[in-house]
Amino acid sequence: MENHKEIVICMGSSCFARGNKNYVEIIKKYLNEHNLTNKITFKGQLCSDNCSKGPVIQIGDTEYFEIDEQKLKRILHENFA
């Protein structure tokens, strides 16, 4: 794992309605449980301009599309475990 990564979650209306409103808490919980809150920057952005592919999150330079809860947990594990 790099020294510092950033997670950006799209909070535009489409992604928010498709689940990102719930995924914020899942990400926060994951970061807390793995003692990553001081190593990972986590923030929202208004729109990622990928509405048809949402929900969308970005970790570093990689964007992930059509997120669901299981996919999100797998992505977090792959990037930070």
PDB file of N, CA and C in Angstrom:
ATOM      1  N   MET A   1       0.843  -1.186   0.000  1.00  0.00           N
ATOM      2  CA  MET A   1       0.000   0.000   0.000  1.00  0.00           C
ATOM      3  C   MET A   1       0.882   1.242   0.000  1.00  0.00           C
ATOM      4  N   GLU A   2       0.486   2.231  -0.784  1.00  0.00           N
ATOM      5  CA  GLU A   2       1.189   3.501  -0.793  1.00  0.00           C
ATOM      6  C   GLU A   2       1.102   4.146   0.582  1.00  0.00           C
ATOM      7  N   ASN A   3       1.926   5.172   0.800  1.00  0.00           N
ATOM      8  CA  ASN A   3       1.870   5.881   2.068  1.00  0.00           C
ATOM      9  C   ASN A   3       0.547   6.607   2.252  1.00  0.00           C
ATOM     10  N   HIS A   4       0.003   7.160   1.174  1.00  0.00           N
ATOM     11  CA  HIS A   4      -1.240   7.923   1.313  1.00  0.00           C
ATOM     12  C   HIS A   4      -2.093   7.725   0.066  1.00  0.00           C
ATOM     13  N   LYS A   5      -3.351   7.420   0.286  1.00  0.00           N
ATOM     14  CA  LYS A   5      -4.316   7.318  -0.800  1.00  0.00           C
ATOM     15  C   LYS A   5      -5.515   8.175  -0.463  1.00  0.00           C
ATOM     16  N   GLU A   6      -6.311   8.412  -1.480  1.00  0.00           N
ATOM     17  CA  GLU A   6      -7.519   9.207  -1.304  1.00  0.00           C
ATOM     18  C   GLU A   6      -8.707   8.431  -1.863  1.00  0.00           C
ATOM     19  N   ILE A   7      -9.787   8.425  -1.104  1.00  0.00           N
ATOM     20  CA  ILE A   7     -11.049   7.865  -1.569  1.00  0.00           C
ATOM     21  C   ILE A   7     -11.985   9.028  -1.825  1.00  0.00           C
ATOM     22  N   VAL A   8     -12.538   9.073  -3.030  1.00  0.00           N
ATOM     23  CA  VAL A   8     -13.511  10.104  -3.384  1.00  0.00           C
ATOM     24  C   VAL A   8     -14.805   9.394  -3.762  1.00  0.00           C
ATOM     25  N   ILE A   9     -15.877   9.742  -3.086  1.00  0.00           N
ATOM     26  CA  ILE A   9     -17.177   9.140  -3.364  1.00  0.00           C
ATOM     27  C   ILE A   9     -18.073  10.182  -4.022  1.00  0.00           C
ATOM     28  N   CYS A  10     -18.702   9.777  -5.117  1.00  0.00           N
ATOM     29  CA  CYS A  10     -19.597  10.695  -5.820  1.00  0.00           C
ATOM     30  C   CYS A  10     -20.876  10.857  -5.016  1.00  0.00           C
ATOM     31  N   MET A  11     -21.242  12.094  -4.761  1.00  0.00           N
ATOM     32  CA  MET A  11     -22.456  12.397  -4.017  1.00  0.00           C
ATOM     33  C   MET A  11     -23.473  13.136  -4.887  1.00  0.00           C
ATOM     34  N   GLY A  12     -23.273  13.051  -6.214  1.00  0.00           N
ATOM     35  CA  GLY A  12     -24.271  13.603  -7.122  1.00  0.00           C
ATOM     36  C   GLY A  12     -25.593  12.876  -6.935  1.00  0.00           C
ATOM     37  N   SER A  13     -26.674  13.472  -7.365  1.00  0.00           N
ATOM     38  CA  SER A  13     -28.007  12.927  -7.061  1.00  0.00           C
ATOM     39  C   SER A  13     -28.195  11.499  -7.559  1.00  0.00           C
ATOM     40  N   SER A  14     -27.674  11.158  -8.712  1.00  0.00           N
ATOM     41  CA  SER A  14     -27.842   9.807  -9.249  1.00  0.00           C
ATOM     42  C   SER A  14     -27.099   8.778  -8.394  1.00  0.00           C
ATOM     43  N   CYS A  15     -25.818   9.023  -8.121  1.00  0.00           N
ATOM     44  CA  CYS A  15     -25.030   8.097  -7.309  1.00  0.00           C
ATOM     45  C   CYS A  15     -25.558   8.039  -5.878  1.00  0.00           C
ATOM     46  N   PHE A  16     -25.951   9.174  -5.351  1.00  0.00           N
ATOM     47  CA  PHE A  16     -26.490   9.235  -3.994  1.00  0.00           C
ATOM     48  C   PHE A  16     -27.742   8.366  -3.888  1.00  0.00           C
ATOM     49  N   ALA A  17     -28.639   8.501  -4.859  1.00  0.00           N
ATOM     50  CA  ALA A  17     -29.888   7.741  -4.836  1.00  0.00           C
ATOM     51  C   ALA A  17     -29.655   6.250  -5.076  1.00  0.00           C
ATOM     52  N   ARG A  18     -28.597   5.908  -5.788  1.00  0.00           N
ATOM     53  CA  ARG A  18     -28.313   4.507  -6.100  1.00  0.00           C
ATOM     54  C   ARG A  18     -27.534   3.791  -5.001  1.00  0.00           C
ATOM     55  N   GLY A  19     -27.196   4.486  -3.935  1.00  0.00           N
ATOM     56  CA  GLY A  19     -26.570   3.772  -2.828  1.00  0.00           C
ATOM     57  C   GLY A  19     -25.397   4.448  -2.158  1.00  0.00           C
ATOM     58  N   ASN A  20     -24.784   5.413  -2.802  1.00  0.00           N
ATOM     59  CA  ASN A  20     -23.606   6.021  -2.181  1.00  0.00           C
ATOM     60  C   ASN A  20     -23.917   6.683  -0.847  1.00  0.00           C
ATOM     61  N   LYS A  21     -25.181   7.063  -0.620  1.00  0.00           N
ATOM     62  CA  LYS A  21     -25.529   7.631   0.683  1.00  0.00           C
ATOM     63  C   LYS A  21     -25.276   6.611   1.786  1.00  0.00           C
ATOM     64  N   ASN A  22     -25.463   5.323   1.506  1.00  0.00           N
ATOM     65  CA  ASN A  22     -25.200   4.264   2.481  1.00  0.00           C
ATOM     66  C   ASN A  22     -23.728   3.865   2.521  1.00  0.00           C
ATOM     67  N   TYR A  23     -23.058   3.985   1.396  1.00  0.00           N
ATOM     68  CA  TYR A  23     -21.676   3.532   1.301  1.00  0.00           C
ATOM     69  C   TYR A  23     -20.710   4.447   2.046  1.00  0.00           C
ATOM     70  N   VAL A  24     -21.123   5.689   2.288  1.00  0.00           N
ATOM     71  CA  VAL A  24     -20.302   6.604   3.090  1.00  0.00           C
ATOM     72  C   VAL A  24     -20.028   5.975   4.455  1.00  0.00           C
ATOM     73  N   GLU A  25     -21.061   5.464   5.083  1.00  0.00           N
ATOM     74  CA  GLU A  25     -20.906   4.860   6.413  1.00  0.00           C
ATOM     75  C   GLU A  25     -20.089   3.577   6.360  1.00  0.00           C
ATOM     76  N   ILE A  26     -20.254   2.783   5.316  1.00  0.00           N
ATOM     77  CA  ILE A  26     -19.470   1.559   5.173  1.00  0.00           C
ATOM     78  C   ILE A  26     -17.991   1.890   5.055  1.00  0.00           C
ATOM     79  N   ILE A  27     -17.657   2.909   4.274  1.00  0.00           N
ATOM     80  CA  ILE A  27     -16.255   3.309   4.107  1.00  0.00           C
ATOM     81  C   ILE A  27     -15.697   3.846   5.419  1.00  0.00           C
ATOM     82  N   LYS A  28     -16.456   4.703   6.093  1.00  0.00           N
ATOM     83  CA  LYS A  28     -15.997   5.242   7.378  1.00  0.00           C
ATOM     84  C   LYS A  28     -15.738   4.118   8.380  1.00  0.00           C
ATOM     85  N   LYS A  29     -16.659   3.174   8.444  1.00  0.00           N
ATOM     86  CA  LYS A  29     -16.511   2.042   9.368  1.00  0.00           C
ATOM     87  C   LYS A  29     -15.272   1.227   9.023  1.00  0.00           C
ATOM     88  N   TYR A  30     -15.048   0.966   7.743  1.00  0.00           N
ATOM     89  CA  TYR A  30     -13.874   0.208   7.307  1.00  0.00           C
ATOM     90  C   TYR A  30     -12.589   0.929   7.710  1.00  0.00           C
ATOM     91  N   LEU A  31     -12.527   2.224   7.442  1.00  0.00           N
ATOM     92  CA  LEU A  31     -11.326   2.996   7.783  1.00  0.00           C
ATOM     93  C   LEU A  31     -11.074   2.984   9.282  1.00  0.00           C
ATOM     94  N   ASN A  32     -12.126   3.120  10.080  1.00  0.00           N
ATOM     95  CA  ASN A  32     -11.983   3.078  11.536  1.00  0.00           C
ATOM     96  C   ASN A  32     -11.527   1.708  12.018  1.00  0.00           C
ATOM     97  N   GLU A  33     -12.156   0.655  11.530  1.00  0.00           N
ATOM     98  CA  GLU A  33     -11.835  -0.706  11.975  1.00  0.00           C
ATOM     99  C   GLU A  33     -10.405  -1.122  11.619  1.00  0.00           C
ATOM    100  N   HIS A  34      -9.861  -0.544  10.547  1.00  0.00           N
ATOM    101  CA  HIS A  34      -8.524  -0.907  10.095  1.00  0.00           C
ATOM    102  C   HIS A  34      -7.482   0.171  10.419  1.00  0.00           C
ATOM    103  N   ASN A  35      -7.853   1.077  11.309  1.00  0.00           N
ATOM    104  CA  ASN A  35      -6.940   2.150  11.744  1.00  0.00           C
ATOM    105  C   ASN A  35      -6.325   2.910  10.575  1.00  0.00           C
ATOM    106  N   LEU A  36      -7.159   3.271   9.619  1.00  0.00           N
ATOM    107  CA  LEU A  36      -6.692   3.967   8.422  1.00  0.00           C
ATOM    108  C   LEU A  36      -7.145   5.419   8.351  1.00  0.00           C
ATOM    109  N   THR A  37      -7.859   5.893   9.361  1.00  0.00           N
ATOM    110  CA  THR A  37      -8.435   7.238   9.267  1.00  0.00           C
ATOM    111  C   THR A  37      -7.378   8.322   9.144  1.00  0.00           C
ATOM    112  N   ASN A  38      -6.185   8.103   9.662  1.00  0.00           N
ATOM    113  CA  ASN A  38      -5.119   9.096   9.553  1.00  0.00           C
ATOM    114  C   ASN A  38      -4.244   8.888   8.326  1.00  0.00           C
ATOM    115  N   LYS A  39      -4.454   7.791   7.607  1.00  0.00           N
ATOM    116  CA  LYS A  39      -3.628   7.472   6.444  1.00  0.00           C
ATOM    117  C   LYS A  39      -4.357   7.666   5.128  1.00  0.00           C
ATOM    118  N   ILE A  40      -5.690   7.685   5.182  1.00  0.00           N
ATOM    119  CA  ILE A  40      -6.505   7.773   3.976  1.00  0.00           C
ATOM    120  C   ILE A  40      -7.374   9.019   4.053  1.00  0.00           C
ATOM    121  N   THR A  41      -7.356   9.812   3.002  1.00  0.00           N
ATOM    122  CA  THR A  41      -8.260  10.948   2.900  1.00  0.00           C
ATOM    123  C   THR A  41      -9.549  10.450   2.263  1.00  0.00           C
ATOM    124  N   PHE A  42     -10.670  10.732   2.888  1.00  0.00           N
ATOM    125  CA  PHE A  42     -11.979  10.323   2.390  1.00  0.00           C
ATOM    126  C   PHE A  42     -12.845  11.559   2.240  1.00  0.00           C
ATOM    127  N   LYS A  43     -13.318  11.776   1.016  1.00  0.00           N
ATOM    128  CA  LYS A  43     -14.141  12.957   0.776  1.00  0.00           C
ATOM    129  C   LYS A  43     -15.176  12.675  -0.304  1.00  0.00           C
ATOM    130  N   GLY A  44     -16.183  13.518  -0.360  1.00  0.00           N
ATOM    131  CA  GLY A  44     -17.210  13.433  -1.383  1.00  0.00           C
ATOM    132  C   GLY A  44     -16.987  14.492  -2.436  1.00  0.00           C
ATOM    133  N   GLN A  45     -17.565  14.256  -3.588  1.00  0.00           N
ATOM    134  CA  GLN A  45     -17.579  15.283  -4.630  1.00  0.00           C
ATOM    135  C   GLN A  45     -18.991  15.352  -5.184  1.00  0.00           C
ATOM    136  N   LEU A  46     -19.336  16.496  -5.718  1.00  0.00           N
ATOM    137  CA  LEU A  46     -20.716  16.708  -6.148  1.00  0.00           C
ATOM    138  C   LEU A  46     -21.112  15.783  -7.290  1.00  0.00           C
ATOM    139  N   CYS A  47     -20.280  15.607  -8.301  1.00  0.00           N
ATOM    140  CA  CYS A  47     -20.612  14.731  -9.424  1.00  0.00           C
ATOM    141  C   CYS A  47     -19.332  14.312 -10.111  1.00  0.00           C
ATOM    142  N   SER A  48     -19.270  13.043 -10.499  1.00  0.00           N
ATOM    143  CA  SER A  48     -18.085  12.535 -11.188  1.00  0.00           C
ATOM    144  C   SER A  48     -18.282  12.485 -12.700  1.00  0.00           C
ATOM    145  N   ASP A  49     -19.435  12.954 -13.183  1.00  0.00           N
ATOM    146  CA  ASP A  49     -19.778  12.947 -14.612  1.00  0.00           C
ATOM    147  C   ASP A  49     -19.840  11.547 -15.204  1.00  0.00           C
ATOM    148  N   ASN A  50     -20.179  10.572 -14.386  1.00  0.00           N
ATOM    149  CA  ASN A  50     -20.370   9.201 -14.840  1.00  0.00           C
ATOM    150  C   ASN A  50     -21.715   8.670 -14.350  1.00  0.00           C
ATOM    151  N   CYS A  51     -22.733   9.484 -14.454  1.00  0.00           N
ATOM    152  CA  CYS A  51     -24.039   9.164 -13.869  1.00  0.00           C
ATOM    153  C   CYS A  51     -24.586   7.823 -14.353  1.00  0.00           C
ATOM    154  N   SER A  52     -24.403   7.503 -15.617  1.00  0.00           N
ATOM    155  CA  SER A  52     -24.953   6.255 -16.140  1.00  0.00           C
ATOM    156  C   SER A  52     -24.213   5.032 -15.618  1.00  0.00           C
ATOM    157  N   LYS A  53     -23.033   5.230 -15.019  1.00  0.00           N
ATOM    158  CA  LYS A  53     -22.221   4.120 -14.514  1.00  0.00           C
ATOM    159  C   LYS A  53     -22.247   4.031 -12.993  1.00  0.00           C
ATOM    160  N   GLY A  54     -23.073   4.840 -12.352  1.00  0.00           N
ATOM    161  CA  GLY A  54     -23.050   4.939 -10.901  1.00  0.00           C
ATOM    162  C   GLY A  54     -23.698   3.781 -10.190  1.00  0.00           C
ATOM    163  N   PRO A  55     -23.476   3.734  -8.904  1.00  0.00           N
ATOM    164  CA  PRO A  55     -22.670   4.619  -8.075  1.00  0.00           C
ATOM    165  C   PRO A  55     -21.175   4.490  -8.375  1.00  0.00           C
ATOM    166  N   VAL A  56     -20.472   5.596  -8.162  1.00  0.00           N
ATOM    167  CA  VAL A  56     -19.056   5.688  -8.504  1.00  0.00           C
ATOM    168  C   VAL A  56     -18.249   6.061  -7.266  1.00  0.00           C
ATOM    169  N   ILE A  57     -17.096   5.396  -7.110  1.00  0.00           N
ATOM    170  CA  ILE A  57     -16.083   5.842  -6.155  1.00  0.00           C
ATOM    171  C   ILE A  57     -14.746   5.838  -6.874  1.00  0.00           C
ATOM    172  N   GLN A  58     -13.815   6.590  -6.344  1.00  0.00           N
ATOM    173  CA  GLN A  58     -12.468   6.656  -6.899  1.00  0.00           C
ATOM    174  C   GLN A  58     -11.486   6.457  -5.762  1.00  0.00           C
ATOM    175  N   ILE A  59     -10.504   5.597  -5.995  1.00  0.00           N
ATOM    176  CA  ILE A  59      -9.414   5.398  -5.046  1.00  0.00           C
ATOM    177  C   ILE A  59      -8.127   5.655  -5.806  1.00  0.00           C
ATOM    178  N   GLY A  60      -7.400   6.678  -5.374  1.00  0.00           N
ATOM    179  CA  GLY A  60      -6.220   7.082  -6.134  1.00  0.00           C
ATOM    180  C   GLY A  60      -6.662   7.516  -7.516  1.00  0.00           C
ATOM    181  N   ASP A  61      -6.043   6.953  -8.548  1.00  0.00           N
ATOM    182  CA  ASP A  61      -6.380   7.298  -9.928  1.00  0.00           C
ATOM    183  C   ASP A  61      -7.381   6.338 -10.560  1.00  0.00           C
ATOM    184  N   THR A  62      -7.875   5.375  -9.793  1.00  0.00           N
ATOM    185  CA  THR A  62      -8.768   4.353 -10.339  1.00  0.00           C
ATOM    186  C   THR A  62     -10.215   4.631  -9.959  1.00  0.00           C
ATOM    187  N   GLU A  63     -11.082   4.653 -10.969  1.00  0.00           N
ATOM    188  CA  GLU A  63     -12.510   4.819 -10.730  1.00  0.00           C
ATOM    189  C   GLU A  63     -13.181   3.456 -10.759  1.00  0.00           C
ATOM    190  N   TYR A  64     -14.161   3.291  -9.881  1.00  0.00           N
ATOM    191  CA  TYR A  64     -14.940   2.058  -9.810  1.00  0.00           C
ATOM    192  C   TYR A  64     -16.394   2.410 -10.054  1.00  0.00           C
ATOM    193  N   PHE A  65     -17.032   1.636 -10.916  1.00  0.00           N
ATOM    194  CA  PHE A  65     -18.387   1.933 -11.349  1.00  0.00           C
ATOM    195  C   PHE A  65     -19.359   0.846 -10.900  1.00  0.00           C
ATOM    196  N   GLU A  66     -20.647   1.210 -10.891  1.00  0.00           N
ATOM    197  CA  GLU A  66     -21.728   0.286 -10.563  1.00  0.00           C
ATOM    198  C   GLU A  66     -21.455  -0.437  -9.240  1.00  0.00           C
ATOM    199  N   ILE A  67     -21.109   0.354  -8.242  1.00  0.00           N
ATOM    200  CA  ILE A  67     -20.781  -0.167  -6.920  1.00  0.00           C
ATOM    201  C   ILE A  67     -22.032  -0.712  -6.238  1.00  0.00           C
ATOM    202  N   ASP A  68     -21.870  -1.837  -5.593  1.00  0.00           N
ATOM    203  CA  ASP A  68     -22.875  -2.320  -4.645  1.00  0.00           C
ATOM    204  C   ASP A  68     -22.113  -2.632  -3.356  1.00  0.00           C
ATOM    205  N   GLU A  69     -22.810  -3.042  -2.318  1.00  0.00           N
ATOM    206  CA  GLU A  69     -22.155  -3.217  -1.022  1.00  0.00           C
ATOM    207  C   GLU A  69     -21.047  -4.264  -1.071  1.00  0.00           C
ATOM    208  N   GLN A  70     -21.284  -5.382  -1.711  1.00  0.00           N
ATOM    209  CA  GLN A  70     -20.269  -6.440  -1.781  1.00  0.00           C
ATOM    210  C   GLN A  70     -19.060  -6.000  -2.596  1.00  0.00           C
ATOM    211  N   LYS A  71     -19.307  -5.336  -3.710  1.00  0.00           N
ATOM    212  CA  LYS A  71     -18.220  -4.849  -4.559  1.00  0.00           C
ATOM    213  C   LYS A  71     -17.391  -3.808  -3.795  1.00  0.00           C
ATOM    214  N   LEU A  72     -18.068  -2.938  -3.063  1.00  0.00           N
ATOM    215  CA  LEU A  72     -17.364  -1.917  -2.287  1.00  0.00           C
ATOM    216  C   LEU A  72     -16.444  -2.563  -1.259  1.00  0.00           C
ATOM    217  N   LYS A  73     -16.948  -3.547  -0.538  1.00  0.00           N
ATOM    218  CA  LYS A  73     -16.122  -4.213   0.476  1.00  0.00           C
ATOM    219  C   LYS A  73     -14.925  -4.903  -0.160  1.00  0.00           C
ATOM    220  N   ARG A  74     -15.126  -5.521  -1.321  1.00  0.00           N
ATOM    221  CA  ARG A  74     -14.016  -6.179  -2.033  1.00  0.00           C
ATOM    222  C   ARG A  74     -12.968  -5.143  -2.481  1.00  0.00           C
ATOM    223  N   ILE A  75     -13.429  -4.025  -3.003  1.00  0.00           N
ATOM    224  CA  ILE A  75     -12.518  -2.965  -3.454  1.00  0.00           C
ATOM    225  C   ILE A  75     -11.705  -2.423  -2.287  1.00  0.00           C
ATOM    226  N   LEU A  76     -12.347  -2.172  -1.164  1.00  0.00           N
ATOM    227  CA  LEU A  76     -11.633  -1.681   0.013  1.00  0.00           C
ATOM    228  C   LEU A  76     -10.583  -2.680   0.468  1.00  0.00           C
ATOM    229  N   HIS A  77     -10.948  -3.944   0.513  1.00  0.00           N
ATOM    230  CA  HIS A  77     -10.007  -4.993   0.925  1.00  0.00           C
ATOM    231  C   HIS A  77      -8.824  -5.068  -0.043  1.00  0.00           C
ATOM    232  N   GLU A  78      -9.104  -5.040  -1.345  1.00  0.00           N
ATOM    233  CA  GLU A  78      -8.043  -5.129  -2.350  1.00  0.00           C
ATOM    234  C   GLU A  78      -7.084  -3.954  -2.276  1.00  0.00           C
ATOM    235  N   ASN A  79      -7.576  -2.787  -1.915  1.00  0.00           N
ATOM    236  CA  ASN A  79      -6.742  -1.592  -1.892  1.00  0.00           C
ATOM    237  C   ASN A  79      -6.035  -1.367  -0.574  1.00  0.00           C
ATOM    238  N   PHE A  80      -6.604  -1.858   0.529  1.00  0.00           N
ATOM    239  CA  PHE A  80      -6.079  -1.460   1.840  1.00  0.00           C
ATOM    240  C   PHE A  80      -5.736  -2.601   2.791  1.00  0.00           C
ATOM    241  N   ALA A  81      -5.984  -3.839   2.421  1.00  0.00           N
ATOM    242  CA  ALA A  81      -5.674  -4.953   3.332  1.00  0.00           C
ATOM    243  C   ALA A  81      -4.215  -5.371   3.221  1.00  0.00           C
TER     244      ALA A  81
END
